[in-house]
Amino acid sequence: MKSILQSVVIAFAMYSKIPMPSIEWEVKNMRYAMSFFPFVGIVIGALACAWYYIVSTFGISPVLSAGVFTVLPVLITGGIHMDGFLDTIDALSSNQSMDKKIEILSDSNAGAFAVIYGIVYMVLTFSFWHEIGGRTILIVALGFVLSRSLSALSVVSFRKAKKTGLASLFSDAAVSRNVRISNIVMIVLSGAAMVAINPVLGIIALCAAFLVFAYFRYIAYKSFGGITGDLCGYFLQLCELAILICVVGGNMICF
């Protein structure tokens, strides 16, 4: 029981800025950390829903509303996944060899493509949050859980590009079978909830998430020889954006 609670602390300490008790990062404490990674998504989704309630209750302007929605995940996570997204963009845009691309992932300097695509990402996110409405917020909020469940599943299931880094660290420490099962359960639960809220938009969201997941595996293996922590961040950001765009866009077209 103690190791499970410590895994919760490590998951939130690593992947959020929510204050956590200080504990030793040992293998036994990290066994189930990836099982609790989706719980960070639950917190973000709950805060997004709470903000939507405040916006609806007090008539806050759509621009301010969208601005808060856009920065909320970054503030909660400390930008760790966005950092991976930007590093991966630089690596993919370099057109270098596989080894050089992996090296670029570790470069702390942001290249021109990272800046450009970072701006594009935030503008798209802001624009589609601006159009959020009705129960679509619930489906998008569940997307924060789904994206993290898929990301955690990849950590214990996909080949690693290198033997060092966060992906390898958490993969090596994890009880793979238990972590895999727990995240599959979270995927099923979040997916079922999406479909229950709105069958059409729920299925659209799931299709978007799984298509991005398939692309993530393809590009990771083809360009890097496997996944890394940065690539998992790249996937997570793309997955959340795809769900947001497809759900809001689907709501505009279908309803």
C-alpha atoms as a PDB file:
ATOM      1  CA  MET A   1       0.000   0.000   0.000  1.00  0.00           C
ATOM      2  CA  LYS A   2       2.827   2.366   0.865  1.00  0.00           C
ATOM      3  CA  SER A   3       4.531   1.842  -2.506  1.00  0.00           C
ATOM      4  CA  ILE A   4       1.239   2.551  -4.299  1.00  0.00           C
ATOM      5  CA  LEU A   5       0.767   5.846  -2.454  1.00  0.00           C
ATOM      6  CA  GLN A   6       4.369   6.745  -3.227  1.00  0.00           C
ATOM      7  CA  SER A   7       3.715   5.965  -6.897  1.00  0.00           C
ATOM      8  CA  VAL A   8       0.816   8.445  -6.793  1.00  0.00           C
ATOM      9  CA  VAL A   9       3.109  11.093  -5.327  1.00  0.00           C
ATOM     10  CA  ILE A  10       5.779  10.439  -7.968  1.00  0.00           C
ATOM     11  CA  ALA A  11       3.253  10.589 -10.820  1.00  0.00           C
ATOM     12  CA  PHE A  12       1.947  13.980  -9.671  1.00  0.00           C
ATOM     13  CA  ALA A  13       5.383  15.307  -8.728  1.00  0.00           C
ATOM     14  CA  MET A  14       6.786  14.413 -12.140  1.00  0.00           C
ATOM     15  CA  TYR A  15       3.885  15.357 -14.375  1.00  0.00           C
ATOM     16  CA  SER A  16       2.263  18.264 -12.553  1.00  0.00           C
ATOM     17  CA  LYS A  17       3.096  21.329 -10.509  1.00  0.00           C
ATOM     18  CA  ILE A  18       0.691  20.302  -7.760  1.00  0.00           C
ATOM     19  CA  PRO A  19       2.655  20.328  -4.468  1.00  0.00           C
ATOM     20  CA  MET A  20       3.525  16.822  -3.288  1.00  0.00           C
ATOM     21  CA  PRO A  21       5.392  15.410  -0.279  1.00  0.00           C
ATOM     22  CA  SER A  22       9.104  14.827  -0.808  1.00  0.00           C
ATOM     23  CA  ILE A  23       9.998  11.130  -1.111  1.00  0.00           C
ATOM     24  CA  GLU A  24      12.898   9.036  -2.374  1.00  0.00           C
ATOM     25  CA  TRP A  25      12.669   8.110  -6.047  1.00  0.00           C
ATOM     26  CA  GLU A  26      13.417   4.401  -5.893  1.00  0.00           C
ATOM     27  CA  VAL A  27      12.394   1.562  -8.206  1.00  0.00           C
ATOM     28  CA  LYS A  28       9.947   0.156  -5.652  1.00  0.00           C
ATOM     29  CA  ASN A  29       8.256   3.567  -5.369  1.00  0.00           C
ATOM     30  CA  MET A  30       7.922   3.968  -9.147  1.00  0.00           C
ATOM     31  CA  ARG A  31       6.350   0.608  -9.970  1.00  0.00           C
ATOM     32  CA  TYR A  32       2.850   1.980 -10.439  1.00  0.00           C
ATOM     33  CA  ALA A  33       3.586   5.624 -11.248  1.00  0.00           C
ATOM     34  CA  MET A  34       2.387   5.185 -14.840  1.00  0.00           C
ATOM     35  CA  SER A  35      -0.887   3.747 -13.554  1.00  0.00           C
ATOM     36  CA  PHE A  36      -1.600   7.067 -11.853  1.00  0.00           C
ATOM     37  CA  PHE A  37      -0.440   9.316 -14.688  1.00  0.00           C
ATOM     38  CA  PRO A  38      -4.042   9.549 -16.046  1.00  0.00           C
ATOM     39  CA  PHE A  39      -5.133  10.925 -12.661  1.00  0.00           C
ATOM     40  CA  VAL A  40      -3.267  14.121 -13.525  1.00  0.00           C
ATOM     41  CA  GLY A  41      -5.610  14.298 -16.511  1.00  0.00           C
ATOM     42  CA  ILE A  42      -8.591  13.879 -14.194  1.00  0.00           C
ATOM     43  CA  VAL A  43      -7.456  16.938 -12.230  1.00  0.00           C
ATOM     44  CA  ILE A  44      -6.974  19.005 -15.402  1.00  0.00           C
ATOM     45  CA  GLY A  45     -10.330  17.879 -16.791  1.00  0.00           C
ATOM     46  CA  ALA A  46     -12.092  18.680 -13.512  1.00  0.00           C
ATOM     47  CA  LEU A  47     -10.550  22.156 -13.405  1.00  0.00           C
ATOM     48  CA  ALA A  48     -11.545  22.749 -17.039  1.00  0.00           C
ATOM     49  CA  CYS A  49     -15.140  21.795 -16.210  1.00  0.00           C
ATOM     50  CA  ALA A  50     -15.075  24.022 -13.123  1.00  0.00           C
ATOM     51  CA  TRP A  51     -13.842  26.942 -15.214  1.00  0.00           C
ATOM     52  CA  TYR A  52     -16.573  26.295 -17.792  1.00  0.00           C
ATOM     53  CA  TYR A  53     -19.150  26.412 -14.984  1.00  0.00           C
ATOM     54  CA  ILE A  54     -17.740  29.733 -13.751  1.00  0.00           C
ATOM     55  CA  VAL A  55     -17.750  31.129 -17.293  1.00  0.00           C
ATOM     56  CA  SER A  56     -21.367  30.044 -17.844  1.00  0.00           C
ATOM     57  CA  THR A  57     -22.554  31.292 -14.455  1.00  0.00           C
ATOM     58  CA  PHE A  58     -20.940  34.721 -14.486  1.00  0.00           C
ATOM     59  CA  GLY A  59     -21.036  35.443 -18.219  1.00  0.00           C
ATOM     60  CA  ILE A  60     -17.276  35.764 -18.648  1.00  0.00           C
ATOM     61  CA  SER A  61     -16.241  36.801 -22.155  1.00  0.00           C
ATOM     62  CA  PRO A  62     -15.410  34.020 -24.655  1.00  0.00           C
ATOM     63  CA  VAL A  63     -11.943  35.485 -25.252  1.00  0.00           C
ATOM     64  CA  LEU A  64     -10.976  35.413 -21.570  1.00  0.00           C
ATOM     65  CA  SER A  65     -12.587  31.994 -21.232  1.00  0.00           C
ATOM     66  CA  ALA A  66     -10.586  30.558 -24.143  1.00  0.00           C
ATOM     67  CA  GLY A  67      -7.392  32.126 -22.832  1.00  0.00           C
ATOM     68  CA  VAL A  68      -7.734  30.379 -19.467  1.00  0.00           C
ATOM     69  CA  PHE A  69      -8.676  27.073 -21.117  1.00  0.00           C
ATOM     70  CA  THR A  70      -5.561  27.344 -23.300  1.00  0.00           C
ATOM     71  CA  VAL A  71      -3.049  27.955 -20.518  1.00  0.00           C
ATOM     72  CA  LEU A  72      -4.685  25.771 -17.851  1.00  0.00           C
ATOM     73  CA  PRO A  73      -3.040  22.449 -18.878  1.00  0.00           C
ATOM     74  CA  VAL A  74       0.339  24.161 -19.274  1.00  0.00           C
ATOM     75  CA  LEU A  75       0.105  25.739 -15.817  1.00  0.00           C
ATOM     76  CA  ILE A  76      -0.921  22.465 -14.151  1.00  0.00           C
ATOM     77  CA  THR A  77       1.756  20.368 -15.891  1.00  0.00           C
ATOM     78  CA  GLY A  78       4.492  22.985 -15.858  1.00  0.00           C
ATOM     79  CA  GLY A  79       4.765  22.630 -19.621  1.00  0.00           C
ATOM     80  CA  ILE A  80       6.606  19.290 -19.458  1.00  0.00           C
ATOM     81  CA  HIS A  81       4.619  17.810 -22.348  1.00  0.00           C
ATOM     82  CA  MET A  82       4.786  20.987 -24.418  1.00  0.00           C
ATOM     83  CA  ASP A  83       8.563  20.895 -23.993  1.00  0.00           C
ATOM     84  CA  GLY A  84       8.579  17.394 -25.466  1.00  0.00           C
ATOM     85  CA  PHE A  85       6.330  18.535 -28.313  1.00  0.00           C
ATOM     86  CA  LEU A  86       8.655  21.409 -29.200  1.00  0.00           C
ATOM     87  CA  ASP A  87      11.815  19.281 -28.950  1.00  0.00           C
ATOM     88  CA  THR A  88      10.254  16.658 -31.221  1.00  0.00           C
ATOM     89  CA  ILE A  89       9.201  19.285 -33.762  1.00  0.00           C
ATOM     90  CA  ASP A  90      12.799  20.505 -33.934  1.00  0.00           C
ATOM     91  CA  ALA A  91      14.100  16.956 -34.354  1.00  0.00           C
ATOM     92  CA  LEU A  92      11.591  16.007 -37.053  1.00  0.00           C
ATOM     93  CA  SER A  93      12.170  19.269 -38.916  1.00  0.00           C
ATOM     94  CA  SER A  94      15.939  18.780 -38.992  1.00  0.00           C
ATOM     95  CA  ASN A  95      15.870  16.050 -41.673  1.00  0.00           C
ATOM     96  CA  GLN A  96      18.966  14.578 -40.036  1.00  0.00           C
ATOM     97  CA  SER A  97      19.930  10.975 -39.333  1.00  0.00           C
ATOM     98  CA  MET A  98      18.167   8.992 -36.608  1.00  0.00           C
ATOM     99  CA  ASP A  99      21.069   9.425 -34.173  1.00  0.00           C
ATOM    100  CA  LYS A 100      21.182  13.170 -34.806  1.00  0.00           C
ATOM    101  CA  LYS A 101      17.427  13.482 -34.270  1.00  0.00           C
ATOM    102  CA  ILE A 102      17.728  11.727 -30.915  1.00  0.00           C
ATOM    103  CA  GLU A 103      20.564  14.103 -30.039  1.00  0.00           C
ATOM    104  CA  ILE A 104      18.406  17.119 -30.942  1.00  0.00           C
ATOM    105  CA  LEU A 105      15.738  15.911 -28.502  1.00  0.00           C
ATOM    106  CA  SER A 106      18.221  16.517 -25.683  1.00  0.00           C
ATOM    107  CA  ASP A 107      19.146  20.014 -26.893  1.00  0.00           C
ATOM    108  CA  SER A 108      17.723  22.604 -24.500  1.00  0.00           C
ATOM    109  CA  ASN A 109      17.757  25.336 -27.163  1.00  0.00           C
ATOM    110  CA  ALA A 110      14.525  25.959 -29.075  1.00  0.00           C
ATOM    111  CA  GLY A 111      14.864  26.079 -32.844  1.00  0.00           C
ATOM    112  CA  ALA A 112      12.870  28.167 -35.303  1.00  0.00           C
ATOM    113  CA  PHE A 113      10.459  25.338 -36.103  1.00  0.00           C
ATOM    114  CA  ALA A 114       9.724  24.770 -32.418  1.00  0.00           C
ATOM    115  CA  VAL A 115       8.804  28.437 -32.000  1.00  0.00           C
ATOM    116  CA  ILE A 116       6.657  28.499 -35.149  1.00  0.00           C
ATOM    117  CA  TYR A 117       4.763  25.301 -34.387  1.00  0.00           C
ATOM    118  CA  GLY A 118       4.435  26.244 -30.728  1.00  0.00           C
ATOM    119  CA  ILE A 119       2.640  29.435 -31.758  1.00  0.00           C
ATOM    120  CA  VAL A 120       0.482  27.541 -34.265  1.00  0.00           C
ATOM    121  CA  TYR A 121      -0.442  25.028 -31.560  1.00  0.00           C
ATOM    122  CA  MET A 122      -1.484  27.681 -29.046  1.00  0.00           C
ATOM    123  CA  VAL A 123      -3.446  29.696 -31.626  1.00  0.00           C
ATOM    124  CA  LEU A 124      -5.362  26.594 -32.736  1.00  0.00           C
ATOM    125  CA  THR A 125      -6.000  25.599 -29.131  1.00  0.00           C
ATOM    126  CA  PHE A 126      -7.265  29.081 -28.255  1.00  0.00           C
ATOM    127  CA  SER A 127      -9.471  29.243 -31.370  1.00  0.00           C
ATOM    128  CA  PHE A 128     -11.242  25.952 -30.737  1.00  0.00           C
ATOM    129  CA  TRP A 129     -11.629  26.545 -27.004  1.00  0.00           C
ATOM    130  CA  HIS A 130     -13.307  29.806 -28.012  1.00  0.00           C
ATOM    131  CA  GLU A 131     -16.005  27.731 -29.744  1.00  0.00           C
ATOM    132  CA  ILE A 132     -16.555  25.196 -26.950  1.00  0.00           C
ATOM    133  CA  GLY A 133     -20.149  24.794 -25.852  1.00  0.00           C
ATOM    134  CA  GLY A 134     -22.707  22.547 -24.223  1.00  0.00           C
ATOM    135  CA  ARG A 135     -21.671  19.082 -23.148  1.00  0.00           C
ATOM    136  CA  THR A 136     -18.699  19.068 -25.524  1.00  0.00           C
ATOM    137  CA  ILE A 137     -16.645  20.352 -22.583  1.00  0.00           C
ATOM    138  CA  LEU A 138     -17.144  17.010 -20.825  1.00  0.00           C
ATOM    139  CA  ILE A 139     -15.810  15.031 -23.784  1.00  0.00           C
ATOM    140  CA  VAL A 140     -12.806  17.320 -24.212  1.00  0.00           C
ATOM    141  CA  ALA A 141     -12.151  17.138 -20.457  1.00  0.00           C
ATOM    142  CA  LEU A 142     -12.119  13.338 -20.649  1.00  0.00           C
ATOM    143  CA  GLY A 143      -9.567  13.717 -23.433  1.00  0.00           C
ATOM    144  CA  PHE A 144      -7.005  14.775 -20.823  1.00  0.00           C
ATOM    145  CA  VAL A 145      -7.463  11.371 -19.186  1.00  0.00           C
ATOM    146  CA  LEU A 146      -7.522   9.390 -22.434  1.00  0.00           C
ATOM    147  CA  SER A 147      -4.357  11.010 -23.795  1.00  0.00           C
ATOM    148  CA  ARG A 148      -2.420  10.216 -20.617  1.00  0.00           C
ATOM    149  CA  SER A 149      -3.719   6.657 -20.492  1.00  0.00           C
ATOM    150  CA  LEU A 150      -2.534   6.055 -24.050  1.00  0.00           C
ATOM    151  CA  SER A 151       0.797   7.740 -23.329  1.00  0.00           C
ATOM    152  CA  ALA A 152       1.349   5.588 -20.227  1.00  0.00           C
ATOM    153  CA  LEU A 153       0.384   2.479 -22.192  1.00  0.00           C
ATOM    154  CA  SER A 154       3.022   3.305 -24.800  1.00  0.00           C
ATOM    155  CA  VAL A 155       5.704   3.638 -22.108  1.00  0.00           C
ATOM    156  CA  VAL A 156       5.251   0.013 -21.022  1.00  0.00           C
ATOM    157  CA  SER A 157       4.433  -1.384 -24.486  1.00  0.00           C
ATOM    158  CA  PHE A 158       6.543   0.338 -27.150  1.00  0.00           C
ATOM    159  CA  ARG A 159      10.231  -0.031 -27.947  1.00  0.00           C
ATOM    160  CA  LYS A 160      12.467   2.669 -26.465  1.00  0.00           C
ATOM    161  CA  ALA A 161      14.767   4.774 -28.641  1.00  0.00           C
ATOM    162  CA  LYS A 162      17.435   4.874 -25.935  1.00  0.00           C
ATOM    163  CA  LYS A 163      18.240   3.230 -22.621  1.00  0.00           C
ATOM    164  CA  THR A 164      18.265   6.509 -20.710  1.00  0.00           C
ATOM    165  CA  GLY A 165      15.641   9.213 -20.198  1.00  0.00           C
ATOM    166  CA  LEU A 166      12.206   9.383 -18.604  1.00  0.00           C
ATOM    167  CA  ALA A 167      10.486   6.801 -20.815  1.00  0.00           C
ATOM    168  CA  SER A 168      13.124   4.176 -20.069  1.00  0.00           C
ATOM    169  CA  LEU A 169      13.269   5.137 -16.391  1.00  0.00           C
ATOM    170  CA  PHE A 170       9.550   4.679 -15.803  1.00  0.00           C
ATOM    171  CA  SER A 171       9.347   1.648 -18.099  1.00  0.00           C
ATOM    172  CA  ASP A 172      12.177  -0.163 -16.327  1.00  0.00           C
ATOM    173  CA  ALA A 173      10.682   0.553 -12.908  1.00  0.00           C
ATOM    174  CA  ALA A 174       7.099  -0.337 -13.853  1.00  0.00           C
ATOM    175  CA  VAL A 175       5.294  -3.597 -13.180  1.00  0.00           C
ATOM    176  CA  SER A 176       4.435  -3.702 -16.883  1.00  0.00           C
ATOM    177  CA  ARG A 177       1.483  -6.091 -16.774  1.00  0.00           C
ATOM    178  CA  ASN A 178      -0.313  -4.228 -13.986  1.00  0.00           C
ATOM    179  CA  VAL A 179       0.390  -0.815 -15.499  1.00  0.00           C
ATOM    180  CA  ARG A 180      -0.777  -2.017 -18.900  1.00  0.00           C
ATOM    181  CA  ILE A 181      -4.038  -3.415 -17.504  1.00  0.00           C
ATOM    182  CA  SER A 182      -4.782  -0.325 -15.395  1.00  0.00           C
ATOM    183  CA  ASN A 183      -4.321   2.005 -18.348  1.00  0.00           C
ATOM    184  CA  ILE A 184      -6.421  -0.155 -20.655  1.00  0.00           C
ATOM    185  CA  VAL A 185      -9.164   0.048 -18.021  1.00  0.00           C
ATOM    186  CA  MET A 186      -8.800   3.854 -17.944  1.00  0.00           C
ATOM    187  CA  ILE A 187      -8.963   3.973 -21.754  1.00  0.00           C
ATOM    188  CA  VAL A 188     -12.151   1.889 -21.758  1.00  0.00           C
ATOM    189  CA  LEU A 189     -13.764   3.928 -18.970  1.00  0.00           C
ATOM    190  CA  SER A 190     -12.910   7.340 -20.433  1.00  0.00           C
ATOM    191  CA  GLY A 191     -13.918   6.191 -23.921  1.00  0.00           C
ATOM    192  CA  ALA A 192     -17.214   4.755 -22.684  1.00  0.00           C
ATOM    193  CA  ALA A 193     -17.948   7.980 -20.811  1.00  0.00           C
ATOM    194  CA  MET A 194     -17.299  10.006 -23.967  1.00  0.00           C
ATOM    195  CA  VAL A 195     -19.726   7.876 -25.970  1.00  0.00           C
ATOM    196  CA  ALA A 196     -22.315   7.976 -23.170  1.00  0.00           C
ATOM    197  CA  ILE A 197     -22.223  11.789 -23.133  1.00  0.00           C
ATOM    198  CA  ASN A 198     -22.700  12.026 -26.897  1.00  0.00           C
ATOM    199  CA  PRO A 199     -22.378   8.907 -29.088  1.00  0.00           C
ATOM    200  CA  VAL A 200     -21.422  10.771 -32.261  1.00  0.00           C
ATOM    201  CA  LEU A 201     -18.914  13.166 -30.730  1.00  0.00           C
ATOM    202  CA  GLY A 202     -17.604  10.453 -28.408  1.00  0.00           C
ATOM    203  CA  ILE A 203     -16.801   8.162 -31.320  1.00  0.00           C
ATOM    204  CA  ILE A 204     -15.237  11.079 -33.208  1.00  0.00           C
ATOM    205  CA  ALA A 205     -13.016  11.833 -30.198  1.00  0.00           C
ATOM    206  CA  LEU A 206     -11.953   8.191 -29.859  1.00  0.00           C
ATOM    207  CA  CYS A 207     -11.162   7.914 -33.569  1.00  0.00           C
ATOM    208  CA  ALA A 208      -9.052  11.077 -33.364  1.00  0.00           C
ATOM    209  CA  ALA A 209      -7.149   9.792 -30.326  1.00  0.00           C
ATOM    210  CA  PHE A 210      -6.413   6.358 -31.771  1.00  0.00           C
ATOM    211  CA  LEU A 211      -5.374   7.780 -35.152  1.00  0.00           C
ATOM    212  CA  VAL A 212      -2.875  10.067 -33.409  1.00  0.00           C
ATOM    213  CA  PHE A 213      -1.707   7.100 -31.306  1.00  0.00           C
ATOM    214  CA  ALA A 214      -1.076   5.058 -34.470  1.00  0.00           C
ATOM    215  CA  TYR A 215       0.768   8.001 -36.049  1.00  0.00           C
ATOM    216  CA  PHE A 216       2.830   8.412 -32.874  1.00  0.00           C
ATOM    217  CA  ARG A 217       4.024   4.804 -32.976  1.00  0.00           C
ATOM    218  CA  TYR A 218       4.766   5.023 -36.699  1.00  0.00           C
ATOM    219  CA  ILE A 219       6.784   8.247 -36.536  1.00  0.00           C
ATOM    220  CA  ALA A 220       8.593   7.200 -33.340  1.00  0.00           C
ATOM    221  CA  TYR A 221       9.773   3.900 -34.807  1.00  0.00           C
ATOM    222  CA  LYS A 222      10.528   5.323 -38.257  1.00  0.00           C
ATOM    223  CA  SER A 223      12.388   8.477 -37.221  1.00  0.00           C
ATOM    224  CA  PHE A 224      13.805   7.596 -33.799  1.00  0.00           C
ATOM    225  CA  GLY A 225      13.834   3.811 -33.542  1.00  0.00           C
ATOM    226  CA  GLY A 226      11.422   3.900 -30.606  1.00  0.00           C
ATOM    227  CA  ILE A 227       9.830   6.244 -28.099  1.00  0.00           C
ATOM    228  CA  THR A 228      11.350   8.701 -25.623  1.00  0.00           C
ATOM    229  CA  GLY A 229       9.878  10.936 -22.946  1.00  0.00           C
ATOM    230  CA  ASP A 230       9.887  13.851 -25.387  1.00  0.00           C
ATOM    231  CA  LEU A 231       8.018  11.817 -27.987  1.00  0.00           C
ATOM    232  CA  CYS A 232       5.404  10.867 -25.400  1.00  0.00           C
ATOM    233  CA  GLY A 233       4.931  14.578 -24.715  1.00  0.00           C
ATOM    234  CA  TYR A 234       4.650  15.181 -28.461  1.00  0.00           C
ATOM    235  CA  PHE A 235       1.940  12.530 -28.685  1.00  0.00           C
ATOM    236  CA  LEU A 236       0.034  13.824 -25.676  1.00  0.00           C
ATOM    237  CA  GLN A 237      -0.108  17.388 -27.013  1.00  0.00           C
ATOM    238  CA  LEU A 238      -1.180  16.237 -30.483  1.00  0.00           C
ATOM    239  CA  CYS A 239      -3.793  13.905 -29.031  1.00  0.00           C
ATOM    240  CA  GLU A 240      -5.366  16.614 -26.883  1.00  0.00           C
ATOM    241  CA  LEU A 241      -5.409  19.088 -29.770  1.00  0.00           C
ATOM    242  CA  ALA A 242      -6.909  16.505 -32.140  1.00  0.00           C
ATOM    243  CA  ILE A 243      -9.675  15.671 -29.663  1.00  0.00           C
ATOM    244  CA  LEU A 244     -10.446  19.364 -29.113  1.00  0.00           C
ATOM    245  CA  ILE A 245     -10.559  20.148 -32.845  1.00  0.00           C
ATOM    246  CA  CYS A 246     -12.585  17.070 -33.791  1.00  0.00           C
ATOM    247  CA  VAL A 247     -15.116  17.392 -30.970  1.00  0.00           C
ATOM    248  CA  VAL A 248     -15.708  21.118 -31.448  1.00  0.00           C
ATOM    249  CA  GLY A 249     -15.643  20.782 -35.240  1.00  0.00           C
ATOM    250  CA  GLY A 250     -17.927  17.757 -35.112  1.00  0.00           C
ATOM    251  CA  ASN A 251     -20.363  19.635 -32.896  1.00  0.00           C
ATOM    252  CA  MET A 252     -20.474  22.519 -35.394  1.00  0.00           C
ATOM    253  CA  ILE A 253     -21.080  20.204 -38.353  1.00  0.00           C
ATOM    254  CA  CYS A 254     -23.372  17.580 -36.841  1.00  0.00           C
ATOM    255  CA  PHE A 255     -25.381  19.649 -34.384  1.00  0.00           C
END
